[in-house]
Amino acid sequence: MKALDFLKEVRVELSKVVWPTRDQTIRLTFIVIFITVIVAFFIGGIDYIFTNVSSYLYK
């Protein structure tokens, strides 16, 4: 019976959640993708710089 009680409580708690609208979800998804691409380019640039500096130092 504990599993059934747990599932009932989960249903009650999920009914209290304020879910985002479709427009909010789409907008926030694009923001996350944009920030991810920016961070990827930044880390890629740092990696490129370090690779070239280290290869220059080891020559």
Protein backbone atom coordinates (compact mmCIF):
# COMPACT_ATOMS: atom_id res chain seq x y z
CA MET A 1 0.00 0.00 0.00
CA LYS A 2 2.95 2.35 0.46
CA ALA A 3 3.56 2.53 -3.28
CA LEU A 4 -0.09 3.41 -3.93
CA ASP A 5 -0.02 6.12 -1.24
CA PHE A 6 3.16 7.51 -2.76
CA LEU A 7 1.60 7.71 -6.22
CA LYS A 8 -1.47 9.48 -4.81
CA GLU A 9 0.76 12.03 -3.09
CA VAL A 10 2.74 12.52 -6.29
CA ARG A 11 -0.48 13.25 -8.17
CA VAL A 12 -1.55 15.81 -5.55
CA GLU A 13 1.84 17.54 -5.68
CA LEU A 14 1.90 17.60 -9.48
CA SER A 15 -1.50 19.29 -9.50
CA LYS A 16 0.10 22.18 -7.54
CA VAL A 17 2.82 22.76 -10.14
CA VAL A 18 2.52 25.84 -12.32
CA TRP A 19 3.54 24.55 -15.74
CA PRO A 20 5.03 26.97 -18.30
CA THR A 21 3.06 27.88 -21.38
CA ARG A 22 4.07 26.65 -24.82
CA ASP A 23 5.48 30.08 -25.73
CA GLN A 24 7.55 30.22 -22.54
CA THR A 25 8.91 26.75 -23.16
CA ILE A 26 9.91 27.56 -26.75
CA ARG A 27 11.51 30.88 -25.76
CA LEU A 28 13.47 29.37 -22.87
CA THR A 29 14.58 26.45 -25.04
CA PHE A 30 16.04 28.85 -27.62
CA ILE A 31 17.78 30.80 -24.84
CA VAL A 32 19.36 27.60 -23.52
CA ILE A 33 20.49 26.55 -27.01
CA PHE A 34 21.92 30.03 -27.70
CA ILE A 35 23.87 30.13 -24.42
CA THR A 36 25.11 26.58 -25.01
CA VAL A 37 26.44 27.53 -28.45
CA ILE A 38 28.14 30.65 -27.05
CA VAL A 39 29.81 28.66 -24.26
CA ALA A 40 30.87 25.96 -26.73
CA PHE A 41 32.55 28.55 -28.97
CA PHE A 42 34.24 30.12 -25.95
CA ILE A 43 35.60 26.81 -24.67
CA GLY A 44 36.58 25.81 -28.22
CA GLY A 45 38.45 29.09 -28.63
CA ILE A 46 40.29 28.66 -25.33
CA ASP A 47 41.17 25.09 -26.32
CA TYR A 48 42.44 26.27 -29.70
CA ILE A 49 44.61 28.95 -28.07
CA PHE A 50 46.06 26.55 -25.49
CA THR A 51 46.73 23.91 -28.16
CA ASN A 52 48.63 26.39 -30.32
CA VAL A 53 50.55 27.86 -27.38
CA SER A 54 51.53 24.43 -26.06
CA SER A 55 52.60 23.20 -29.51
CA TYR A 56 54.67 26.37 -29.93
CA LEU A 57 56.33 25.86 -26.53
CA TYR A 58 57.15 22.19 -27.19
CA LYS A 59 58.78 22.77 -30.60
